[in-house]
């Protein structure tokens, strides 16, 4: 019968390798080759030449569609 501690160490090593691969793959998705589909308030402000306050006012009155994630607002880019 195998040593249970060796089995645990072996499984932990394989889990670490999988996690490292996932982290590396996710880093490839977020680099400059794959631009984001969403803009932040700052990016939208520069793009539309509006102040951040105006953008916040329009989002609170639901004139601009947006997504709220925590305390951040995101705006979908149109093609």
PDB file of N, CA and C in Angstrom:
ATOM      1  N   UNK A   1       0.845  -1.175   0.000  1.00  0.00           N
ATOM      2  CA  UNK A   1       0.000   0.000   0.000  1.00  0.00           C
ATOM      3  C   UNK A   1       0.895   1.244   0.000  1.00  0.00           C
ATOM      4  N   UNK A   2       0.513   2.254  -0.783  1.00  0.00           N
ATOM      5  CA  UNK A   2       1.300   3.476  -0.883  1.00  0.00           C
ATOM      6  C   UNK A   2       1.215   4.285   0.402  1.00  0.00           C
ATOM      7  N   UNK A   3       2.277   5.052   0.610  1.00  0.00           N
ATOM      8  CA  UNK A   3       2.311   5.951   1.751  1.00  0.00           C
ATOM      9  C   UNK A   3       1.289   7.068   1.512  1.00  0.00           C
ATOM     10  N   UNK A   4       0.331   7.269   2.409  1.00  0.00           N
ATOM     11  CA  UNK A   4      -0.703   8.281   2.182  1.00  0.00           C
ATOM     12  C   UNK A   4      -0.128   9.700   2.109  1.00  0.00           C
ATOM     13  N   UNK A   5       0.968   9.944   2.806  1.00  0.00           N
ATOM     14  CA  UNK A   5       1.567  11.274   2.766  1.00  0.00           C
ATOM     15  C   UNK A   5       2.200  11.551   1.403  1.00  0.00           C
ATOM     16  N   UNK A   6       2.800  10.543   0.809  1.00  0.00           N
ATOM     17  CA  UNK A   6       3.363  10.709  -0.533  1.00  0.00           C
ATOM     18  C   UNK A   6       2.248  10.962  -1.546  1.00  0.00           C
ATOM     19  N   UNK A   7       1.127  10.284  -1.363  1.00  0.00           N
ATOM     20  CA  UNK A   7      -0.023  10.490  -2.243  1.00  0.00           C
ATOM     21  C   UNK A   7      -0.550  11.924  -2.116  1.00  0.00           C
ATOM     22  N   UNK A   8      -0.618  12.423  -0.894  1.00  0.00           N
ATOM     23  CA  UNK A   8      -1.078  13.802  -0.670  1.00  0.00           C
ATOM     24  C   UNK A   8      -0.121  14.796  -1.318  1.00  0.00           C
ATOM     25  N   UNK A   9       1.168  14.597  -1.141  1.00  0.00           N
ATOM     26  CA  UNK A   9       2.163  15.492  -1.734  1.00  0.00           C
ATOM     27  C   UNK A   9       2.069  15.451  -3.253  1.00  0.00           C
ATOM     28  N   UNK A  10       1.888  14.272  -3.795  1.00  0.00           N
ATOM     29  CA  UNK A  10       1.766  14.134  -5.246  1.00  0.00           C
ATOM     30  C   UNK A  10       0.541  14.880  -5.772  1.00  0.00           C
ATOM     31  N   UNK A  11      -0.567  14.736  -5.102  1.00  0.00           N
ATOM     32  CA  UNK A  11      -1.788  15.434  -5.527  1.00  0.00           C
ATOM     33  C   UNK A  11      -1.655  16.949  -5.371  1.00  0.00           C
ATOM     34  N   UNK A  12      -1.025  17.389  -4.300  1.00  0.00           N
ATOM     35  CA  UNK A  12      -0.806  18.823  -4.118  1.00  0.00           C
ATOM     36  C   UNK A  12       0.076  19.393  -5.227  1.00  0.00           C
ATOM     37  N   UNK A  13       1.094  18.643  -5.623  1.00  0.00           N
ATOM     38  CA  UNK A  13       1.953  19.087  -6.726  1.00  0.00           C
ATOM     39  C   UNK A  13       1.156  19.240  -8.014  1.00  0.00           C
ATOM     40  N   UNK A  14       0.286  18.285  -8.286  1.00  0.00           N
ATOM     41  CA  UNK A  14      -0.504  18.377  -9.519  1.00  0.00           C
ATOM     42  C   UNK A  14      -1.489  19.547  -9.450  1.00  0.00           C
ATOM     43  N   UNK A  15      -2.051  19.805  -8.279  1.00  0.00           N
ATOM     44  CA  UNK A  15      -2.956  20.949  -8.114  1.00  0.00           C
ATOM     45  C   UNK A  15      -2.190  22.258  -8.304  1.00  0.00           C
ATOM     46  N   UNK A  16      -0.988  22.349  -7.739  1.00  0.00           N
ATOM     47  CA  UNK A  16      -0.170  23.556  -7.914  1.00  0.00           C
ATOM     48  C   UNK A  16       0.154  23.789  -9.383  1.00  0.00           C
ATOM     49  N   UNK A  17       0.474  22.730 -10.097  1.00  0.00           N
ATOM     50  CA  UNK A  17       0.776  22.862 -11.527  1.00  0.00           C
ATOM     51  C   UNK A  17      -0.444  23.348 -12.305  1.00  0.00           C
ATOM     52  N   UNK A  18      -1.614  22.808 -11.986  1.00  0.00           N
ATOM     53  CA  UNK A  18      -2.833  23.251 -12.660  1.00  0.00           C
ATOM     54  C   UNK A  18      -3.144  24.716 -12.358  1.00  0.00           C
ATOM     55  N   UNK A  19      -2.977  25.121 -11.110  1.00  0.00           N
ATOM     56  CA  UNK A  19      -3.217  26.517 -10.741  1.00  0.00           C
ATOM     57  C   UNK A  19      -2.249  27.454 -11.451  1.00  0.00           C
ATOM     58  N   UNK A  20      -0.999  27.055 -11.529  1.00  0.00           N
ATOM     59  CA  UNK A  20      -0.006  27.878 -12.229  1.00  0.00           C
ATOM     60  C   UNK A  20      -0.367  28.022 -13.702  1.00  0.00           C
ATOM     61  N   UNK A  21      -0.828  26.936 -14.305  1.00  0.00           N
ATOM     62  CA  UNK A  21      -1.232  26.985 -15.711  1.00  0.00           C
ATOM     63  C   UNK A  21      -2.438  27.906 -15.893  1.00  0.00           C
ATOM     64  N   UNK A  22      -3.414  27.820 -14.998  1.00  0.00           N
ATOM     65  CA  UNK A  22      -4.592  28.688 -15.075  1.00  0.00           C
ATOM     66  C   UNK A  22      -4.227  30.163 -14.918  1.00  0.00           C
ATOM     67  N   UNK A  23      -3.331  30.466 -14.006  1.00  0.00           N
ATOM     68  CA  UNK A  23      -2.900  31.851 -13.815  1.00  0.00           C
ATOM     69  C   UNK A  23      -2.195  32.356 -15.061  1.00  0.00           C
ATOM     70  N   UNK A  24      -1.331  31.550 -15.635  1.00  0.00           N
ATOM     71  CA  UNK A  24      -0.630  31.954 -16.854  1.00  0.00           C
ATOM     72  C   UNK A  24      -1.603  32.156 -18.006  1.00  0.00           C
ATOM     73  N   UNK A  25      -2.591  31.280 -18.128  1.00  0.00           N
ATOM     74  CA  UNK A  25      -3.588  31.415 -19.196  1.00  0.00           C
ATOM     75  C   UNK A  25      -4.430  32.671 -19.002  1.00  0.00           C
ATOM     76  N   UNK A  26      -4.792  32.976 -17.764  1.00  0.00           N
ATOM     77  CA  UNK A  26      -5.606  34.172 -17.525  1.00  0.00           C
ATOM     78  C   UNK A  26      -4.802  35.437 -17.778  1.00  0.00           C
ATOM     79  N   UNK A  27      -3.493  35.411 -17.535  1.00  0.00           N
ATOM     80  CA  UNK A  27      -2.653  36.571 -17.829  1.00  0.00           C
ATOM     81  C   UNK A  27      -2.576  36.819 -19.327  1.00  0.00           C
ATOM     82  N   UNK A  28      -2.611  35.779 -20.118  1.00  0.00           N
ATOM     83  CA  UNK A  28      -2.580  35.934 -21.571  1.00  0.00           C
ATOM     84  C   UNK A  28      -3.863  36.588 -22.070  1.00  0.00           C
ATOM     85  N   UNK A  29      -4.970  36.347 -21.410  1.00  0.00           N
ATOM     86  CA  UNK A  29      -6.248  36.913 -21.839  1.00  0.00           C
ATOM     87  C   UNK A  29      -6.368  38.392 -21.524  1.00  0.00           C
ATOM     88  N   UNK A  30      -5.644  38.868 -20.530  1.00  0.00           N
ATOM     89  CA  UNK A  30      -5.792  40.257 -20.123  1.00  0.00           C
ATOM     90  C   UNK A  30      -4.704  41.163 -20.671  1.00  0.00           C
ATOM     91  N   UNK A  31      -3.850  40.677 -21.546  1.00  0.00           N
ATOM     92  CA  UNK A  31      -2.805  41.553 -22.057  1.00  0.00           C
ATOM     93  C   UNK A  31      -3.325  42.436 -23.182  1.00  0.00           C
ATOM     94  N   UNK A  32      -2.468  43.210 -23.769  1.00  0.00           N
ATOM     95  CA  UNK A  32      -2.855  44.211 -24.759  1.00  0.00           C
ATOM     96  C   UNK A  32      -3.446  43.610 -26.035  1.00  0.00           C
ATOM     97  N   UNK A  33      -3.211  42.346 -26.296  1.00  0.00           N
ATOM     98  CA  UNK A  33      -3.726  41.722 -27.518  1.00  0.00           C
ATOM     99  C   UNK A  33      -5.232  41.506 -27.473  1.00  0.00           C
ATOM    100  N   UNK A  34      -5.799  41.513 -26.287  1.00  0.00           N
ATOM    101  CA  UNK A  34      -7.229  41.287 -26.118  1.00  0.00           C
ATOM    102  C   UNK A  34      -7.831  42.481 -25.382  1.00  0.00           C
ATOM    103  N   UNK A  35      -8.217  43.517 -26.111  1.00  0.00           N
ATOM    104  CA  UNK A  35      -8.753  44.701 -25.434  1.00  0.00           C
ATOM    105  C   UNK A  35     -10.062  44.394 -24.713  1.00  0.00           C
ATOM    106  N   UNK A  36     -10.303  45.136 -23.675  1.00  0.00           N
ATOM    107  CA  UNK A  36     -11.504  44.948 -22.872  1.00  0.00           C
ATOM    108  C   UNK A  36     -12.746  45.371 -23.649  1.00  0.00           C
ATOM    109  N   UNK A  37     -13.878  44.745 -23.331  1.00  0.00           N
ATOM    110  CA  UNK A  37     -15.147  45.109 -23.954  1.00  0.00           C
ATOM    111  C   UNK A  37     -15.832  46.222 -23.181  1.00  0.00           C
ATOM    112  N   UNK A  38     -15.240  46.645 -22.064  1.00  0.00           N
ATOM    113  CA  UNK A  38     -15.860  47.640 -21.203  1.00  0.00           C
ATOM    114  C   UNK A  38     -14.912  48.805 -20.946  1.00  0.00           C
ATOM    115  N   UNK A  39     -15.509  49.975 -20.683  1.00  0.00           N
ATOM    116  CA  UNK A  39     -14.744  51.170 -20.340  1.00  0.00           C
ATOM    117  C   UNK A  39     -15.084  51.582 -18.916  1.00  0.00           C
ATOM    118  N   UNK A  40     -14.112  52.177 -18.254  1.00  0.00           N
ATOM    119  CA  UNK A  40     -14.340  52.736 -16.925  1.00  0.00           C
ATOM    120  C   UNK A  40     -14.898  54.148 -17.073  1.00  0.00           C
ATOM    121  N   UNK A  41     -15.245  54.757 -15.960  1.00  0.00           N
ATOM    122  CA  UNK A  41     -15.758  56.130 -15.988  1.00  0.00           C
ATOM    123  C   UNK A  41     -14.703  57.068 -16.571  1.00  0.00           C
ATOM    124  N   UNK A  42     -13.450  56.871 -16.178  1.00  0.00           N
ATOM    125  CA  UNK A  42     -12.374  57.726 -16.674  1.00  0.00           C
ATOM    126  C   UNK A  42     -12.223  57.597 -18.188  1.00  0.00           C
ATOM    127  N   UNK A  43     -12.238  56.360 -18.695  1.00  0.00           N
ATOM    128  CA  UNK A  43     -12.095  56.140 -20.136  1.00  0.00           C
ATOM    129  C   UNK A  43     -13.275  56.728 -20.903  1.00  0.00           C
ATOM    130  N   UNK A  44     -14.483  56.546 -20.383  1.00  0.00           N
ATOM    131  CA  UNK A  44     -15.667  57.091 -21.047  1.00  0.00           C
ATOM    132  C   UNK A  44     -15.649  58.617 -21.023  1.00  0.00           C
ATOM    133  N   UNK A  45     -15.161  59.183 -19.937  1.00  0.00           N
ATOM    134  CA  UNK A  45     -15.055  60.631 -19.826  1.00  0.00           C
ATOM    135  C   UNK A  45     -14.147  61.198 -20.916  1.00  0.00           C
ATOM    136  N   UNK A  46     -13.018  60.560 -21.139  1.00  0.00           N
ATOM    137  CA  UNK A  46     -12.105  61.005 -22.197  1.00  0.00           C
ATOM    138  C   UNK A  46     -12.699  60.769 -23.578  1.00  0.00           C
ATOM    139  N   UNK A  47     -13.361  59.638 -23.749  1.00  0.00           N
ATOM    140  CA  UNK A  47     -13.921  59.273 -25.054  1.00  0.00           C
ATOM    141  C   UNK A  47     -15.051  60.217 -25.474  1.00  0.00           C
ATOM    142  N   UNK A  48     -15.929  60.564 -24.533  1.00  0.00           N
ATOM    143  CA  UNK A  48     -17.081  61.413 -24.840  1.00  0.00           C
ATOM    144  C   UNK A  48     -16.822  62.896 -24.580  1.00  0.00           C
ATOM    145  N   UNK A  49     -15.675  63.192 -23.985  1.00  0.00           N
ATOM    146  CA  UNK A  49     -15.328  64.565 -23.628  1.00  0.00           C
ATOM    147  C   UNK A  49     -16.373  65.168 -22.677  1.00  0.00           C
ATOM    148  N   UNK A  50     -16.757  64.356 -21.691  1.00  0.00           N
ATOM    149  CA  UNK A  50     -17.686  64.784 -20.645  1.00  0.00           C
ATOM    150  C   UNK A  50     -16.987  64.662 -19.299  1.00  0.00           C
ATOM    151  N   UNK A  51     -17.434  65.432 -18.336  1.00  0.00           N
ATOM    152  CA  UNK A  51     -16.852  65.311 -16.998  1.00  0.00           C
ATOM    153  C   UNK A  51     -17.362  64.028 -16.335  1.00  0.00           C
ATOM    154  N   UNK A  52     -16.616  63.569 -15.343  1.00  0.00           N
ATOM    155  CA  UNK A  52     -17.045  62.375 -14.606  1.00  0.00           C
ATOM    156  C   UNK A  52     -18.375  62.632 -13.902  1.00  0.00           C
ATOM    157  N   UNK A  53     -18.546  63.844 -13.389  1.00  0.00           N
ATOM    158  CA  UNK A  53     -19.800  64.189 -12.717  1.00  0.00           C
ATOM    159  C   UNK A  53     -21.000  64.066 -13.635  1.00  0.00           C
ATOM    160  N   UNK A  54     -20.827  64.503 -14.882  1.00  0.00           N
ATOM    161  CA  UNK A  54     -21.912  64.389 -15.864  1.00  0.00           C
ATOM    162  C   UNK A  54     -22.230  62.927 -16.139  1.00  0.00           C
ATOM    163  N   UNK A  55     -21.196  62.120 -16.245  1.00  0.00           N
ATOM    164  CA  UNK A  55     -21.407  60.686 -16.496  1.00  0.00           C
ATOM    165  C   UNK A  55     -22.130  60.051 -15.312  1.00  0.00           C
ATOM    166  N   UNK A  56     -21.700  60.367 -14.089  1.00  0.00           N
ATOM    167  CA  UNK A  56     -22.381  59.830 -12.906  1.00  0.00           C
ATOM    168  C   UNK A  56     -23.841  60.290 -12.855  1.00  0.00           C
ATOM    169  N   UNK A  57     -24.088  61.536 -13.228  1.00  0.00           N
ATOM    170  CA  UNK A  57     -25.461  62.053 -13.247  1.00  0.00           C
ATOM    171  C   UNK A  57     -26.309  61.277 -14.261  1.00  0.00           C
ATOM    172  N   UNK A  58     -25.756  61.039 -15.451  1.00  0.00           N
ATOM    173  CA  UNK A  58     -26.498  60.299 -16.477  1.00  0.00           C
ATOM    174  C   UNK A  58     -26.740  58.844 -16.067  1.00  0.00           C
ATOM    175  N   UNK A  59     -25.787  58.240 -15.366  1.00  0.00           N
ATOM    176  CA  UNK A  59     -26.007  56.857 -14.926  1.00  0.00           C
ATOM    177  C   UNK A  59     -27.062  56.801 -13.826  1.00  0.00           C
ATOM    178  N   UNK A  60     -27.058  57.787 -12.935  1.00  0.00           N
ATOM    179  CA  UNK A  60     -28.061  57.762 -11.860  1.00  0.00           C
ATOM    180  C   UNK A  60     -29.464  58.023 -12.391  1.00  0.00           C
ATOM    181  N   UNK A  61     -29.561  58.780 -13.488  1.00  0.00           N
ATOM    182  CA  UNK A  61     -30.879  59.011 -14.096  1.00  0.00           C
ATOM    183  C   UNK A  61     -31.181  57.982 -15.191  1.00  0.00           C
ATOM    184  N   UNK A  62     -30.321  56.984 -15.293  1.00  0.00           N
ATOM    185  CA  UNK A  62     -30.480  55.848 -16.218  1.00  0.00           C
ATOM    186  C   UNK A  62     -30.510  56.253 -17.690  1.00  0.00           C
ATOM    187  N   UNK A  63     -29.781  57.308 -18.023  1.00  0.00           N
ATOM    188  CA  UNK A  63     -29.672  57.730 -19.420  1.00  0.00           C
ATOM    189  C   UNK A  63     -28.551  56.988 -20.141  1.00  0.00           C
ATOM    190  N   UNK A  64     -27.568  56.512 -19.389  1.00  0.00           N
ATOM    191  CA  UNK A  64     -26.447  55.758 -19.959  1.00  0.00           C
ATOM    192  C   UNK A  64     -26.503  54.343 -19.394  1.00  0.00           C
ATOM    193  N   UNK A  65     -26.582  53.321 -20.249  1.00  0.00           N
ATOM    194  CA  UNK A  65     -26.552  51.946 -19.737  1.00  0.00           C
ATOM    195  C   UNK A  65     -25.177  51.645 -19.134  1.00  0.00           C
ATOM    196  N   UNK A  66     -25.188  50.968 -18.007  1.00  0.00           N
ATOM    197  CA  UNK A  66     -23.936  50.680 -17.321  1.00  0.00           C
ATOM    198  C   UNK A  66     -24.064  49.400 -16.504  1.00  0.00           C
ATOM    199  N   UNK A  67     -22.919  48.929 -16.067  1.00  0.00           N
ATOM    200  CA  UNK A  67     -22.850  47.751 -15.203  1.00  0.00           C
ATOM    201  C   UNK A  67     -22.107  48.174 -13.950  1.00  0.00           C
ATOM    202  N   UNK A  68     -22.650  47.838 -12.804  1.00  0.00           N
ATOM    203  CA  UNK A  68     -21.995  48.158 -11.540  1.00  0.00           C
ATOM    204  C   UNK A  68     -21.421  46.867 -10.974  1.00  0.00           C
ATOM    205  N   UNK A  69     -20.120  46.895 -10.701  1.00  0.00           N
ATOM    206  CA  UNK A  69     -19.461  45.750 -10.081  1.00  0.00           C
ATOM    207  C   UNK A  69     -18.781  46.266  -8.819  1.00  0.00           C
ATOM    208  N   UNK A  70     -19.408  46.013  -7.689  1.00  0.00           N
ATOM    209  CA  UNK A  70     -18.919  46.595  -6.445  1.00  0.00           C
ATOM    210  C   UNK A  70     -19.166  48.093  -6.472  1.00  0.00           C
ATOM    211  N   UNK A  71     -18.105  48.864  -6.279  1.00  0.00           N
ATOM    212  CA  UNK A  71     -18.218  50.322  -6.322  1.00  0.00           C
ATOM    213  C   UNK A  71     -17.854  50.882  -7.686  1.00  0.00           C
ATOM    214  N   UNK A  72     -17.473  50.035  -8.615  1.00  0.00           N
ATOM    215  CA  UNK A  72     -17.022  50.483  -9.939  1.00  0.00           C
ATOM    216  C   UNK A  72     -18.163  50.444 -10.949  1.00  0.00           C
ATOM    217  N   UNK A  73     -18.122  51.384 -11.890  1.00  0.00           N
ATOM    218  CA  UNK A  73     -19.067  51.409 -13.005  1.00  0.00           C
ATOM    219  C   UNK A  73     -18.327  51.059 -14.282  1.00  0.00           C
ATOM    220  N   UNK A  74     -18.964  50.256 -15.128  1.00  0.00           N
ATOM    221  CA  UNK A  74     -18.390  49.888 -16.417  1.00  0.00           C
ATOM    222  C   UNK A  74     -19.426  50.146 -17.502  1.00  0.00           C
ATOM    223  N   UNK A  75     -18.916  50.535 -18.657  1.00  0.00           N
ATOM    224  CA  UNK A  75     -19.770  50.860 -19.791  1.00  0.00           C
ATOM    225  C   UNK A  75     -19.330  50.012 -20.967  1.00  0.00           C
ATOM    226  N   UNK A  76     -20.293  49.360 -21.618  1.00  0.00           N
ATOM    227  CA  UNK A  76     -19.971  48.467 -22.729  1.00  0.00           C
ATOM    228  C   UNK A  76     -19.575  49.278 -23.956  1.00  0.00           C
ATOM    229  N   UNK A  77     -18.477  48.838 -24.587  1.00  0.00           N
ATOM    230  CA  UNK A  77     -18.034  49.490 -25.819  1.00  0.00           C
ATOM    231  C   UNK A  77     -18.896  49.009 -26.967  1.00  0.00           C
ATOM    232  N   UNK A  78     -19.279  49.907 -27.832  1.00  0.00           N
ATOM    233  CA  UNK A  78     -20.039  49.550 -29.026  1.00  0.00           C
ATOM    234  C   UNK A  78     -19.091  49.464 -30.200  1.00  0.00           C
ATOM    235  N   UNK A  79     -19.369  48.528 -31.102  1.00  0.00           N
ATOM    236  CA  UNK A  79     -18.490  48.360 -32.265  1.00  0.00           C
ATOM    237  C   UNK A  79     -18.916  49.244 -33.390  1.00  0.00           C
TER     238      UNK A  79
END
